[in-house]
Amino acid sequence: MLDILKFTIPSLILLACVWIVMHQMFKSEAEKRRWELKKQSQKEISQIRLRAYERLSILLERTQPEHLLTEMNLTGMSVLDVQQHLLRTIRMEYDHNLSQQIYVSDELWDKILLARDEMGAFVNSIATQIAPNSTAMDYAKTLLTAYAGNGDTPNEIALVMLKDEVRKLL
């Protein structure tokens, strides 16, 4: 019986040591694979996030009056037609980029929404301030002049915040 214990105890100890070493190796290998997968997915997510930031910067540029008005043919349009077209274009630009909000911070998305709302209010405000018999060209000039003298616009503020977020990402 003592002879059996002389062989069994060292065998059990050896088996336990082998099991511990193998368990640690498998655990380490699994962690290494998880880390590699995470590294790869982070690389892909970073590229997607950068594209989202690019799209949002284009959005903020496209919804400024100088860009909106250069895309329009104002001849034959009334002030109301221009106002409605501007509001519709702004809404469409934002609707087209709604999905990008999942890639940016909540604070940045709030600034982008504020820029949208402020731009709509600005377009409406200028339309109410202009004389009733004004032409579409008069409205466009008034809109551009007022926007240029507006200081830091919500679009510019959101764009600065967007750039800061991208710098932190990189």
Protein backbone atom coordinates (compact mmCIF):
# COMPACT_ATOMS: atom_id res chain seq x y z
CA MET A 1 0.00 0.00 0.00
CA LEU A 2 2.84 2.34 0.84
CA ASP A 3 4.42 1.61 -2.54
CA ILE A 4 1.23 2.61 -4.31
CA LEU A 5 1.12 5.91 -2.41
CA LYS A 6 4.78 6.59 -3.32
CA PHE A 7 3.78 6.54 -6.99
CA THR A 8 0.23 7.90 -6.74
CA ILE A 9 0.93 11.08 -4.76
CA PRO A 10 3.76 12.31 -7.04
CA SER A 11 1.63 11.38 -10.07
CA LEU A 12 -1.31 13.37 -8.72
CA ILE A 13 0.95 16.33 -7.95
CA LEU A 14 2.45 16.12 -11.43
CA LEU A 15 -1.03 15.85 -12.96
CA ALA A 16 -2.18 18.91 -10.98
CA CYS A 17 0.88 20.88 -12.09
CA VAL A 18 0.34 19.90 -15.74
CA TRP A 19 -3.34 20.83 -15.47
CA ILE A 20 -2.49 24.26 -13.94
CA VAL A 21 0.14 24.97 -16.59
CA MET A 22 -2.16 23.87 -19.43
CA HIS A 23 -5.05 25.87 -18.00
CA GLN A 24 -2.88 28.99 -17.81
CA MET A 25 -1.64 28.43 -21.37
CA PHE A 26 -5.18 28.08 -22.73
CA LYS A 27 -6.33 31.09 -20.73
CA SER A 28 -3.39 33.14 -21.99
CA GLU A 29 -4.02 32.06 -25.58
CA ALA A 30 -7.71 32.93 -25.31
CA GLU A 31 -6.84 36.38 -23.94
CA LYS A 32 -4.36 36.88 -26.75
CA ARG A 33 -7.03 36.01 -29.35
CA ARG A 34 -9.56 38.33 -27.68
CA TRP A 35 -7.00 41.12 -27.65
CA GLU A 36 -6.20 40.57 -31.34
CA LEU A 37 -9.92 40.59 -32.22
CA LYS A 38 -10.43 43.74 -30.19
CA LYS A 39 -7.43 45.37 -31.83
CA GLN A 40 -8.76 44.50 -35.28
CA SER A 41 -12.28 45.68 -34.50
CA GLN A 42 -10.93 48.93 -32.99
CA LYS A 43 -9.06 49.55 -36.23
CA GLU A 44 -12.23 49.03 -38.25
CA ILE A 45 -14.36 51.08 -35.85
CA SER A 46 -11.83 53.93 -35.94
CA GLN A 47 -12.08 54.03 -39.72
CA ILE A 48 -15.88 54.06 -39.55
CA ARG A 49 -15.82 56.79 -36.91
CA LEU A 50 -13.48 58.91 -39.02
CA ARG A 51 -15.86 58.56 -41.97
CA ALA A 52 -18.72 59.62 -39.69
CA TYR A 53 -16.78 62.71 -38.61
CA GLU A 54 -16.07 63.49 -42.27
CA ARG A 55 -19.73 63.19 -43.17
CA LEU A 56 -20.77 65.39 -40.26
CA SER A 57 -18.23 68.05 -41.21
CA ILE A 58 -19.64 68.02 -44.75
CA LEU A 59 -23.13 68.29 -43.28
CA LEU A 60 -22.16 71.36 -41.25
CA GLU A 61 -20.58 72.97 -44.31
CA ARG A 62 -23.50 72.15 -46.61
CA THR A 63 -26.07 73.66 -44.26
CA GLN A 64 -24.51 77.10 -44.21
CA PRO A 65 -26.41 79.73 -46.23
CA GLU A 66 -23.58 80.46 -48.67
CA HIS A 67 -23.50 76.81 -49.71
CA LEU A 68 -27.25 76.34 -49.69
CA LEU A 69 -27.86 79.40 -51.84
CA THR A 70 -25.15 78.65 -54.40
CA GLU A 71 -26.93 75.38 -55.16
CA MET A 72 -30.18 77.19 -55.97
CA ASN A 73 -31.46 78.96 -59.05
CA LEU A 74 -33.28 81.94 -57.53
CA THR A 75 -34.83 83.24 -60.72
CA GLY A 76 -38.58 83.01 -60.66
CA MET A 77 -38.70 82.03 -57.00
CA SER A 78 -40.50 83.91 -54.25
CA VAL A 79 -39.10 84.56 -50.80
CA LEU A 80 -41.41 81.86 -49.43
CA ASP A 81 -40.18 79.38 -52.08
CA VAL A 82 -36.56 80.02 -51.15
CA GLN A 83 -37.31 79.80 -47.45
CA GLN A 84 -39.12 76.48 -47.84
CA HIS A 85 -36.41 75.09 -50.11
CA LEU A 86 -33.71 76.04 -47.60
CA LEU A 87 -35.60 74.48 -44.70
CA ARG A 88 -36.30 71.32 -46.70
CA THR A 89 -32.65 71.01 -47.76
CA ILE A 90 -31.43 71.49 -44.19
CA ARG A 91 -33.86 68.85 -42.93
CA MET A 92 -32.88 66.41 -45.70
CA GLU A 93 -29.16 66.86 -45.03
CA TYR A 94 -29.65 66.10 -41.33
CA ASP A 95 -32.02 63.21 -41.96
CA HIS A 96 -29.47 61.69 -44.33
CA ASN A 97 -26.82 61.78 -41.60
CA LEU A 98 -28.86 60.72 -38.56
CA SER A 99 -27.08 57.39 -38.25
CA GLN A 100 -23.74 59.12 -37.68
CA GLN A 101 -24.80 60.05 -34.14
CA ILE A 102 -23.79 56.62 -32.85
CA TYR A 103 -20.15 57.33 -33.69
CA VAL A 104 -19.80 60.73 -31.98
CA SER A 105 -20.17 61.95 -28.43
CA ASP A 106 -23.56 63.03 -27.13
CA GLU A 107 -22.22 66.54 -26.58
CA LEU A 108 -21.15 66.85 -30.22
CA TRP A 109 -24.43 65.47 -31.49
CA ASP A 110 -26.30 67.98 -29.31
CA LYS A 111 -24.23 70.79 -30.86
CA ILE A 112 -25.03 69.49 -34.35
CA LEU A 113 -28.74 69.39 -33.53
CA LEU A 114 -28.50 72.89 -32.10
CA ALA A 115 -26.83 74.04 -35.33
CA ARG A 116 -29.70 72.53 -37.33
CA ASP A 117 -32.35 74.16 -35.16
CA GLU A 118 -30.57 77.52 -35.11
CA MET A 119 -30.13 77.50 -38.88
CA GLY A 120 -33.83 76.81 -39.39
CA ALA A 121 -34.74 79.57 -36.96
CA PHE A 122 -32.30 81.92 -38.70
CA VAL A 123 -33.79 81.21 -42.14
CA ASN A 124 -37.28 81.83 -40.76
CA SER A 125 -36.22 84.95 -38.87
CA ILE A 126 -34.71 86.62 -41.93
CA ALA A 127 -37.81 85.73 -43.97
CA THR A 128 -40.02 87.56 -41.47
CA GLN A 129 -37.72 90.58 -41.35
CA ILE A 130 -37.63 91.19 -45.09
CA ALA A 131 -40.17 93.42 -46.82
CA PRO A 132 -43.21 91.58 -48.24
CA ASN A 133 -42.55 92.69 -51.82
CA SER A 134 -38.85 91.61 -51.76
CA THR A 135 -37.42 89.30 -54.36
CA ALA A 136 -35.72 85.99 -53.75
CA MET A 137 -32.41 87.67 -54.56
CA ASP A 138 -33.05 90.34 -51.88
CA TYR A 139 -33.81 87.59 -49.38
CA ALA A 140 -30.64 85.70 -50.32
CA LYS A 141 -28.48 88.83 -49.97
CA THR A 142 -30.05 89.69 -46.62
CA LEU A 143 -29.57 86.12 -45.41
CA LEU A 144 -25.91 86.04 -46.43
CA THR A 145 -25.18 89.47 -44.96
CA ALA A 146 -26.85 88.66 -41.66
CA TYR A 147 -25.13 85.29 -41.44
CA ALA A 148 -21.71 86.78 -42.17
CA GLY A 149 -22.18 89.34 -39.41
CA ASN A 150 -23.44 86.75 -36.95
CA GLY A 151 -20.06 86.02 -35.33
CA ASP A 152 -19.48 82.43 -34.25
CA THR A 153 -22.38 80.54 -35.76
CA PRO A 154 -23.70 77.27 -34.32
CA ASN A 155 -22.35 75.46 -37.40
CA GLU A 156 -18.87 76.83 -36.78
CA ILE A 157 -19.04 76.00 -33.06
CA ALA A 158 -20.12 72.43 -33.84
CA LEU A 159 -17.38 72.12 -36.47
CA VAL A 160 -14.73 73.24 -33.96
CA MET A 161 -16.03 70.69 -31.44
CA LEU A 162 -16.02 68.00 -34.14
CA LYS A 163 -12.40 68.76 -35.03
CA ASP A 164 -11.42 68.60 -31.34
CA GLU A 165 -13.04 65.20 -30.98
CA VAL A 166 -11.22 63.89 -34.06
CA ARG A 167 -7.90 65.14 -32.68
CA LYS A 168 -8.56 63.22 -29.45
CA LEU A 169 -9.39 60.10 -31.47
CA LEU A 170 -6.14 60.32 -33.41
